[in-house]
Amino acid sequence: MSSLPSSIDIAIIGAGAAGLGAAHALRDKGVSFIVLEARGRIGGRAHTIMASPDVTFDLGCGWLHSADRNSFVAIAERLAFTIDKSRPPWRDQAYEAAFPRAERDDFLGALEAFFTRTAEAAASGRDAPASICLEPGNRWNGMIDAICTYLNGCELDQMSLLDFEAYEDTELNWRIRRGYGALVSAYGAGLPIALNCQVTLIDHSDRRIRLTTSQGTLTADKVIITVPTNLIADEALRFTPALPAKVEAAAGLPLGLDNKVTLALDGWDHLPKDSGMRGRSHSARVGSFQLRPFGQPCIEGFYGGSFAREIEAAGEGALAAQAIDDVAALLGNGVRKSLRPLAESRWGADPFARGAYSHALPGHADKRAVLAAPVDNRLFFAGEATPPDFFSTAHGARDSGERAAKEVLASLGRH
């Protein structure tokens, strides 16, 4: 990893997928650049750990969404990361005991009807909370809302209908056996990156841009900003002169919350591996589980929206406790003695994330383009909140970093 220079052509803020995508696009282009990362590791919200000697766990992103158009697929192949192409467990592989098939089919029918209504409503071009598309009195509304907290990190009443429909999902989802976070980290190997280097101020009032960081000051000709929207909206990263349009755009694209937990599972080998499990629910306060992912001796849990926020606020270990209670309610109390907490994410409490991924508030679907637009051909913006279609994904973030780097090179008259 690199030490901080006093002067550079291009500074990239953030070593998540977007910052790494930008850095790769600037390589061998005859410019000097450095990536400034506040954390002591690269990858941002992509982070794989060994939760135990036999359990690999992605604390952040775990799926190659829209895999047929996902730029990380080719990167995984180039870096010799094994891709698992088996179908995800979300819909048609649910564990029968927890959610009888007839009921599940009824729910899936209601969910499809909801998605049809959102598409029809969005076609009008008028924005509204996506919750207007819930059918009044439908028994599955709470569960539809829960599914949408997994997708967006927020409940439907906080979700822009137009943004909800703009997301592009080719419905092909693959995984990386060694972990998506491990892939993103490997993708960043060999790049000039300064770790533990938090940028707090970007002064673009002079001919050269001056960056105030936790390791001192740095001047640059161009800056690519890839930090999460909440850091811009909260002004943890400030601009001089101020950029009110960027702050407002970021505030309209807050990070929702999704958290994951993995529980060691002793025995219970009869549970189908890579199978999904969810209970019936009349509210959005419900988790989703993956039984024995990759055949590993564990159960992975996923919680979203205000329920995830409430659990996270209860402190370290609260998510595992909730998951154990929920799994026991679905599989019977006898499973408790076979479960043990291994690891959990707390993305809302992470000072450099402050959430999971962005969603547009109702009336703010146009803010992604506002956030992505360059300022004075000197400040450039990337990150998962900026793509018009693949937002809230690691590959969307990576591609946006590449896009911002190309904008920088064009502004320098290079290609």
Protein backbone atom coordinates (compact mmCIF):
# COMPACT_ATOMS: atom_id res chain seq x y z
CA MET A 1 0.00 0.00 0.00
CA SER A 2 1.10 3.54 -0.72
CA SER A 3 2.08 6.49 1.46
CA LEU A 4 0.46 9.85 0.83
CA PRO A 5 2.16 12.03 -1.80
CA SER A 6 1.90 15.81 -1.51
CA SER A 7 0.77 16.21 -5.11
CA ILE A 8 -0.94 13.98 -7.66
CA ASP A 9 -2.74 14.32 -10.99
CA ILE A 10 -5.89 12.47 -9.90
CA ALA A 11 -7.10 11.55 -6.41
CA ILE A 12 -9.75 8.84 -6.03
CA ILE A 13 -11.67 8.87 -2.75
CA GLY A 14 -12.78 5.42 -1.63
CA ALA A 15 -11.35 1.96 -2.36
CA GLY A 16 -14.67 0.18 -2.80
CA ALA A 17 -15.71 -1.28 -6.14
CA ALA A 18 -16.20 2.19 -7.69
CA GLY A 19 -12.79 3.53 -6.65
CA LEU A 20 -11.07 0.37 -7.83
CA GLY A 21 -12.92 0.51 -11.16
CA ALA A 22 -11.74 4.09 -11.62
CA ALA A 23 -8.15 3.19 -10.70
CA HIS A 24 -8.03 0.32 -13.19
CA ALA A 25 -9.33 2.60 -15.95
CA LEU A 26 -6.55 5.14 -15.23
CA ARG A 27 -3.72 2.62 -15.34
CA ASP A 28 -1.22 3.04 -18.17
CA LYS A 29 -2.85 6.30 -19.26
CA GLY A 30 0.16 8.50 -18.45
CA VAL A 31 -1.38 10.08 -15.35
CA SER A 32 -0.40 9.78 -11.70
CA PHE A 33 -3.20 8.77 -9.32
CA ILE A 34 -3.80 7.42 -5.84
CA VAL A 35 -6.82 5.90 -4.09
CA LEU A 36 -7.51 7.29 -0.60
CA GLU A 37 -9.33 4.84 1.67
CA ALA A 38 -10.59 5.69 5.17
CA ARG A 39 -10.68 2.07 6.30
CA GLY A 40 -7.73 -0.17 7.02
CA ARG A 41 -8.77 -2.49 4.17
CA ILE A 42 -9.99 -2.21 0.59
CA GLY A 43 -13.38 -3.32 -0.74
CA GLY A 44 -15.81 -0.94 1.00
CA ARG A 45 -19.17 -2.65 1.41
CA ALA A 46 -17.74 -5.82 -0.16
CA HIS A 47 -16.05 -7.71 2.68
CA THR A 48 -15.47 -11.45 3.02
CA ILE A 49 -14.35 -13.02 6.29
CA MET A 50 -13.72 -16.55 7.50
CA ALA A 51 -16.45 -16.65 10.15
CA SER A 52 -15.00 -19.99 11.27
CA PRO A 53 -12.40 -22.34 9.77
CA ASP A 54 -15.10 -23.92 7.59
CA VAL A 55 -17.48 -20.99 6.95
CA THR A 56 -16.78 -18.25 4.38
CA PHE A 57 -19.10 -15.29 4.94
CA ASP A 58 -19.76 -12.15 2.92
CA LEU A 59 -20.62 -9.40 5.40
CA GLY A 60 -21.64 -7.21 2.46
CA CYS A 61 -22.60 -8.01 -1.14
CA GLY A 62 -22.69 -11.72 -1.88
CA TRP A 63 -24.40 -12.16 -5.25
CA LEU A 64 -23.30 -11.39 -8.80
CA HIS A 65 -26.65 -9.80 -9.68
CA SER A 66 -27.64 -9.64 -13.37
CA ALA A 67 -24.72 -12.01 -13.90
CA ASP A 68 -25.04 -11.99 -17.69
CA ARG A 69 -24.26 -8.25 -17.63
CA ASN A 70 -22.09 -8.13 -14.51
CA SER A 71 -18.54 -6.90 -15.18
CA PHE A 72 -17.22 -8.78 -12.13
CA VAL A 73 -17.94 -12.11 -13.88
CA ALA A 74 -15.11 -11.59 -16.38
CA ILE A 75 -12.90 -10.27 -13.56
CA ALA A 76 -13.60 -13.41 -11.50
CA GLU A 77 -12.70 -15.60 -14.46
CA ARG A 78 -9.49 -13.65 -15.09
CA LEU A 79 -8.48 -13.90 -11.41
CA ALA A 80 -9.38 -17.63 -11.27
CA PHE A 81 -12.23 -17.25 -8.76
CA THR A 82 -14.72 -20.11 -9.02
CA ILE A 83 -18.24 -18.94 -9.92
CA ASP A 84 -21.19 -20.90 -8.55
CA LYS A 85 -24.01 -20.73 -11.10
CA SER A 86 -26.65 -22.69 -9.19
CA ARG A 87 -30.04 -21.02 -8.79
CA PRO A 88 -30.50 -18.77 -5.78
CA PRO A 89 -32.78 -20.08 -3.02
CA TRP A 90 -35.07 -17.06 -2.77
CA ARG A 91 -38.17 -18.35 -4.49
CA ASP A 92 -38.54 -21.93 -5.63
CA GLN A 93 -36.28 -23.75 -3.16
CA ALA A 94 -37.83 -22.69 0.13
CA TYR A 95 -37.75 -25.22 2.93
CA GLU A 96 -41.26 -26.71 2.97
CA ALA A 97 -41.63 -27.12 6.73
CA ALA A 98 -41.48 -23.37 7.34
CA PHE A 99 -43.83 -22.20 4.62
CA PRO A 100 -46.20 -24.79 3.07
CA ARG A 101 -46.14 -24.82 -0.73
CA ALA A 102 -49.80 -23.86 -1.24
CA GLU A 103 -49.36 -20.79 0.96
CA ARG A 104 -46.08 -19.91 -0.69
CA ASP A 105 -47.63 -20.18 -4.16
CA ASP A 106 -50.41 -17.84 -3.02
CA PHE A 107 -47.81 -15.37 -1.73
CA LEU A 108 -45.72 -15.54 -4.92
CA GLY A 109 -48.86 -14.84 -6.95
CA ALA A 110 -49.51 -11.74 -4.83
CA LEU A 111 -45.88 -10.65 -5.21
CA GLU A 112 -46.01 -11.00 -9.01
CA ALA A 113 -49.26 -9.02 -9.11
CA PHE A 114 -47.60 -6.29 -7.03
CA PHE A 115 -44.65 -6.09 -9.45
CA THR A 116 -47.08 -5.87 -12.37
CA ARG A 117 -48.83 -2.94 -10.69
CA THR A 118 -45.53 -1.12 -10.01
CA ALA A 119 -44.55 -1.45 -13.67
CA GLU A 120 -47.92 -0.14 -14.83
CA ALA A 121 -47.89 2.75 -12.35
CA ALA A 122 -44.32 3.75 -13.25
CA ALA A 123 -45.22 3.83 -16.95
CA SER A 124 -47.22 7.00 -16.23
CA GLY A 125 -43.93 8.78 -15.46
CA ARG A 126 -45.33 10.23 -12.21
CA ASP A 127 -43.40 9.42 -9.06
CA ALA A 128 -44.99 8.28 -5.81
CA PRO A 129 -44.14 5.98 -2.90
CA ALA A 130 -44.03 2.40 -4.19
CA SER A 131 -46.42 1.46 -1.36
CA ILE A 132 -49.34 2.88 -3.39
CA CYS A 133 -49.15 -0.34 -5.43
CA LEU A 134 -50.00 -2.57 -2.46
CA GLU A 135 -53.51 -3.99 -2.76
CA PRO A 136 -55.57 -2.74 0.22
CA GLY A 137 -56.26 -5.53 2.67
CA ASN A 138 -54.12 -8.16 0.92
CA ARG A 139 -52.98 -10.71 3.51
CA TRP A 140 -49.47 -10.74 2.03
CA ASN A 141 -48.78 -6.99 2.10
CA GLY A 142 -46.47 -7.24 5.12
CA MET A 143 -44.44 -9.95 3.49
CA ILE A 144 -44.25 -8.09 0.15
CA ASP A 145 -42.94 -5.12 2.15
CA ALA A 146 -40.38 -7.41 3.83
CA ILE A 147 -39.13 -8.67 0.44
CA CYS A 148 -38.74 -5.07 -0.67
CA THR A 149 -36.67 -4.24 2.43
CA TYR A 150 -34.27 -7.00 1.31
CA LEU A 151 -34.13 -5.45 -2.17
CA ASN A 152 -33.94 -1.78 -1.18
CA GLY A 153 -33.01 -1.59 2.50
CA CYS A 154 -36.22 0.33 3.22
CA GLU A 155 -39.97 -0.14 3.34
CA LEU A 156 -42.09 0.66 0.30
CA ASP A 157 -43.40 3.95 1.69
CA GLN A 158 -39.80 5.28 1.60
CA MET A 159 -39.15 4.02 -1.92
CA SER A 160 -39.54 6.02 -5.14
CA LEU A 161 -41.78 4.09 -7.52
CA LEU A 162 -39.84 5.34 -10.57
CA ASP A 163 -36.50 4.36 -9.02
CA PHE A 164 -37.90 0.97 -8.02
CA GLU A 165 -38.80 0.31 -11.66
CA ALA A 166 -35.58 1.78 -13.11
CA TYR A 167 -33.44 -0.92 -11.50
CA GLU A 168 -32.36 -3.45 -14.10
CA ASP A 169 -32.55 -7.07 -13.01
CA THR A 170 -31.87 -9.78 -15.59
CA GLU A 171 -32.80 -12.32 -12.88
CA LEU A 172 -29.54 -14.22 -13.28
CA ASN A 173 -27.72 -14.35 -9.94
CA TRP A 174 -24.44 -16.21 -9.32
CA ARG A 175 -22.01 -16.41 -6.41
CA ILE A 176 -18.29 -16.47 -5.79
CA ARG A 177 -17.26 -19.51 -3.75
CA ARG A 178 -14.38 -17.66 -2.04
CA GLY A 179 -16.61 -14.61 -1.45
CA TYR A 180 -17.54 -11.49 -3.41
CA GLY A 181 -15.54 -9.37 -0.97
CA ALA A 182 -12.48 -11.55 -1.57
CA LEU A 183 -12.91 -11.01 -5.32
CA VAL A 184 -13.18 -7.21 -4.97
CA SER A 185 -10.12 -7.20 -2.72
CA ALA A 186 -8.13 -9.26 -5.24
CA TYR A 187 -9.26 -6.86 -7.99
CA GLY A 188 -7.63 -4.03 -6.02
CA ALA A 189 -4.28 -5.78 -5.60
CA GLY A 190 -1.31 -3.83 -6.94
CA LEU A 191 -3.10 -0.47 -7.19
CA PRO A 192 -1.68 2.64 -5.45
CA ILE A 193 -3.91 2.86 -2.36
CA ALA A 194 -3.38 4.79 0.89
CA LEU A 195 -5.27 3.04 3.71
CA ASN A 196 -6.46 4.65 6.95
CA CYS A 197 -6.65 7.92 5.03
CA GLN A 198 -10.00 9.63 5.62
CA VAL A 199 -10.76 12.66 3.46
CA THR A 200 -12.82 15.29 5.31
CA LEU A 201 -12.55 18.39 3.08
CA ILE A 202 -12.26 19.02 -0.66
CA ASP A 203 -11.24 22.63 -1.30
CA HIS A 204 -11.76 23.32 -5.00
CA SER A 205 -11.58 27.12 -4.70
CA ASP A 206 -8.09 27.37 -6.25
CA ARG A 207 -6.45 26.23 -9.47
CA ARG A 208 -5.45 22.97 -7.81
CA ILE A 209 -7.79 21.02 -5.55
CA ARG A 210 -6.67 20.66 -1.95
CA LEU A 211 -7.71 17.58 0.03
CA THR A 212 -7.61 17.53 3.82
CA THR A 213 -7.05 13.95 5.04
CA SER A 214 -6.28 12.17 8.30
CA GLN A 215 -2.72 11.74 6.98
CA GLY A 216 -2.14 15.35 5.91
CA THR A 217 -2.97 17.43 2.86
CA LEU A 218 -2.72 16.53 -0.79
CA THR A 219 -3.21 18.62 -3.93
CA ALA A 220 -4.64 17.22 -7.15
CA ASP A 221 -5.81 18.42 -10.55
CA LYS A 222 -8.88 16.16 -10.60
CA VAL A 223 -10.76 14.22 -7.92
CA ILE A 224 -13.08 11.22 -8.28
CA ILE A 225 -15.45 10.94 -5.30
CA THR A 226 -16.94 7.47 -4.67
CA VAL A 227 -18.05 7.71 -1.02
CA PRO A 228 -21.54 6.56 0.07
CA THR A 229 -24.33 9.13 -0.22
CA ASN A 230 -24.86 9.35 3.54
CA LEU A 231 -21.33 10.74 4.02
CA ILE A 232 -22.03 13.52 1.49
CA ALA A 233 -25.51 14.23 2.87
CA ASP A 234 -24.24 14.31 6.48
CA GLU A 235 -21.27 16.44 5.32
CA ALA A 236 -18.76 14.05 6.84
CA LEU A 237 -17.02 14.92 3.58
CA ARG A 238 -17.32 18.68 2.95
CA PHE A 239 -16.75 20.82 -0.10
CA THR A 240 -15.39 24.39 -0.31
CA PRO A 241 -17.03 26.16 -2.09
CA ALA A 242 -20.12 24.26 -0.94
CA LEU A 243 -21.99 22.06 -3.40
CA PRO A 244 -25.62 22.27 -2.20
CA ALA A 245 -26.98 20.44 -5.27
CA LYS A 246 -24.74 17.44 -4.52
CA VAL A 247 -25.66 17.42 -0.82
CA GLU A 248 -29.36 17.60 -1.70
CA ALA A 249 -29.03 14.86 -4.32
CA ALA A 250 -27.20 12.62 -1.82
CA ALA A 251 -29.90 13.28 0.81
CA GLY A 252 -32.53 12.14 -1.69
CA LEU A 253 -30.60 8.89 -2.19
CA PRO A 254 -30.05 7.68 1.39
CA LEU A 255 -28.58 4.29 2.20
CA GLY A 256 -31.17 1.86 3.44
CA LEU A 257 -30.14 -0.90 5.81
CA ASP A 258 -29.70 -4.62 5.27
CA ASN A 259 -27.67 -6.74 7.67
CA LYS A 260 -26.52 -10.34 7.51
CA VAL A 261 -25.71 -12.90 10.16
CA THR A 262 -24.23 -16.38 10.04
CA LEU A 263 -24.91 -19.05 12.66
CA ALA A 264 -22.83 -22.20 13.04
CA LEU A 265 -25.04 -25.27 12.63
CA ASP A 266 -23.94 -28.47 14.36
CA GLY A 267 -25.48 -31.48 12.67
CA TRP A 268 -28.85 -31.10 10.90
CA ASP A 269 -27.26 -32.40 7.71
CA HIS A 270 -30.74 -33.42 6.53
CA LEU A 271 -31.50 -29.75 5.83
CA PRO A 272 -31.21 -29.21 2.07
CA LYS A 273 -28.06 -27.25 1.27
CA ASP A 274 -28.43 -23.87 -0.43
CA SER A 275 -32.12 -23.81 0.37
CA GLY A 276 -34.13 -20.77 1.34
CA MET A 277 -36.34 -20.52 4.41
CA ARG A 278 -38.78 -17.84 5.41
CA GLY A 279 -41.71 -17.81 7.76
CA ARG A 280 -45.15 -16.44 6.97
CA SER A 281 -45.52 -12.91 8.21
CA HIS A 282 -48.15 -10.20 8.33
CA SER A 283 -45.51 -7.50 8.79
CA ALA A 284 -42.14 -6.55 7.32
CA ARG A 285 -40.47 -7.60 10.59
CA VAL A 286 -39.21 -10.92 9.27
CA GLY A 287 -35.84 -12.33 8.28
CA SER A 288 -34.90 -14.51 5.33
CA PHE A 289 -32.58 -17.50 5.74
CA GLN A 290 -30.27 -19.55 3.61
CA LEU A 291 -29.71 -23.07 4.87
CA ARG A 292 -26.19 -24.50 4.54
CA PRO A 293 -24.88 -22.12 1.83
CA PHE A 294 -22.35 -23.96 -0.39
CA GLY A 295 -23.04 -26.93 1.90
CA GLN A 296 -21.25 -25.17 4.77
CA PRO A 297 -22.31 -26.04 8.36
CA CYS A 298 -24.19 -22.78 8.94
CA ILE A 299 -27.42 -20.84 8.43
CA GLU A 300 -27.20 -17.34 6.98
CA GLY A 301 -29.82 -14.75 7.90
CA PHE A 302 -30.78 -11.51 6.15
CA TYR A 303 -32.79 -8.64 7.68
CA GLY A 304 -33.80 -5.35 6.07
CA GLY A 305 -35.33 -1.94 6.61
CA SER A 306 -36.48 -0.47 9.89
CA PHE A 307 -36.50 -3.93 11.53
CA ALA A 308 -32.78 -4.30 10.71
CA ARG A 309 -32.16 -0.78 12.06
CA GLU A 310 -33.97 -1.57 15.30
CA ILE A 311 -31.98 -4.79 15.80
CA GLU A 312 -28.69 -3.05 15.03
CA ALA A 313 -29.51 -0.30 17.56
CA ALA A 314 -29.86 -3.00 20.23
CA GLY A 315 -26.09 -3.57 19.94
CA GLU A 316 -23.53 -6.22 19.09
CA GLY A 317 -24.95 -9.74 19.13
CA ALA A 318 -28.59 -8.65 18.84
CA LEU A 319 -28.86 -9.81 15.24
CA ALA A 320 -27.58 -13.30 16.04
CA ALA A 321 -29.98 -13.54 18.99
CA GLN A 322 -32.90 -12.52 16.78
CA ALA A 323 -31.89 -14.99 14.09
CA ILE A 324 -31.61 -17.87 16.57
CA ASP A 325 -35.11 -17.09 17.88
CA ASP A 326 -36.49 -16.92 14.35
CA VAL A 327 -34.82 -20.15 13.19
CA ALA A 328 -36.09 -21.93 16.32
CA ALA A 329 -39.61 -20.66 15.59
CA LEU A 330 -39.37 -22.19 12.11
CA LEU A 331 -37.48 -25.44 12.78
CA GLY A 332 -38.51 -26.09 16.37
CA ASN A 333 -36.84 -25.31 19.68
CA GLY A 334 -34.66 -28.40 19.42
CA VAL A 335 -32.43 -26.59 16.92
CA ARG A 336 -31.27 -24.03 19.50
CA LYS A 337 -28.57 -26.24 21.00
CA SER A 338 -27.13 -26.77 17.51
CA LEU A 339 -26.82 -23.04 16.70
CA ARG A 340 -24.00 -20.70 17.64
CA PRO A 341 -23.38 -17.07 16.59
CA LEU A 342 -20.39 -16.69 14.26
CA ALA A 343 -20.53 -13.20 12.71
CA GLU A 344 -22.93 -10.40 11.83
CA SER A 345 -22.78 -7.16 9.88
CA ARG A 346 -23.71 -3.75 11.31
CA TRP A 347 -23.51 -1.50 8.25
CA GLY A 348 -25.52 1.34 9.77
CA ALA A 349 -22.99 1.62 12.59
CA ASP A 350 -20.03 1.57 10.17
CA PRO A 351 -18.84 5.21 10.11
CA PHE A 352 -17.64 4.95 6.51
CA ALA A 353 -20.85 3.34 5.16
CA ARG A 354 -23.76 4.41 7.42
CA GLY A 355 -26.03 1.96 5.63
CA ALA A 356 -26.12 -0.79 3.02
CA TYR A 357 -27.04 0.66 -0.38
CA SER A 358 -28.94 3.57 -1.83
CA HIS A 359 -32.60 3.98 -2.67
CA ALA A 360 -34.32 7.08 -4.02
CA LEU A 361 -36.91 8.66 -1.76
CA PRO A 362 -40.28 9.32 -3.45
CA GLY A 363 -39.85 12.31 -5.78
CA HIS A 364 -36.07 11.92 -5.97
CA ALA A 365 -35.58 9.34 -8.75
CA ASP A 366 -33.83 11.99 -10.88
CA LYS A 367 -31.14 12.54 -8.22
CA ARG A 368 -28.91 9.70 -9.44
CA ALA A 369 -28.11 11.70 -12.59
CA VAL A 370 -27.62 14.87 -10.51
CA LEU A 371 -25.16 13.07 -8.21
CA ALA A 372 -23.26 11.53 -11.14
CA ALA A 373 -22.69 14.82 -13.01
CA PRO A 374 -19.14 16.30 -12.93
CA VAL A 375 -18.47 19.72 -11.39
CA ASP A 376 -16.31 22.18 -13.40
CA ASN A 377 -14.62 19.24 -15.15
CA ARG A 378 -12.54 18.82 -11.98
CA LEU A 379 -14.73 16.92 -9.52
CA PHE A 380 -16.17 13.63 -10.74
CA PHE A 381 -18.65 11.36 -8.97
CA ALA A 382 -19.09 7.59 -8.94
CA GLY A 383 -20.40 4.89 -6.62
CA GLU A 384 -23.36 2.52 -6.38
CA ALA A 385 -25.83 5.44 -6.10
CA THR A 386 -24.89 6.96 -9.48
CA PRO A 387 -25.81 4.42 -12.23
CA PRO A 388 -29.25 4.88 -13.85
CA ASP A 389 -29.98 1.14 -13.93
CA PHE A 390 -27.55 -1.08 -11.96
CA PHE A 391 -27.56 1.07 -8.81
CA SER A 392 -27.11 -0.53 -5.37
CA THR A 393 -24.84 -3.25 -6.79
CA ALA A 394 -21.09 -3.83 -6.69
CA HIS A 395 -20.83 -4.15 -10.48
CA GLY A 396 -22.87 -0.97 -10.94
CA ALA A 397 -20.43 0.77 -8.62
CA ARG A 398 -17.40 -0.63 -10.47
CA ASP A 399 -18.78 0.40 -13.85
CA SER A 400 -19.53 3.91 -12.54
CA GLY A 401 -15.91 4.27 -11.42
CA GLU A 402 -14.77 3.33 -14.91
CA ARG A 403 -17.22 5.87 -16.36
CA ALA A 404 -15.90 8.64 -14.07
CA ALA A 405 -12.29 7.81 -15.00
CA LYS A 406 -13.18 8.08 -18.68
CA GLU A 407 -14.75 11.48 -18.01
CA VAL A 408 -11.52 12.56 -16.30
CA LEU A 409 -9.39 11.37 -19.23
CA ALA A 410 -11.70 13.14 -21.70
CA SER A 411 -11.34 16.36 -19.71
CA LEU A 412 -7.55 15.98 -20.07
CA GLY A 413 -7.85 15.33 -23.80
CA ARG A 414 -6.81 11.67 -23.36
CA HIS A 415 -8.68 8.47 -24.09
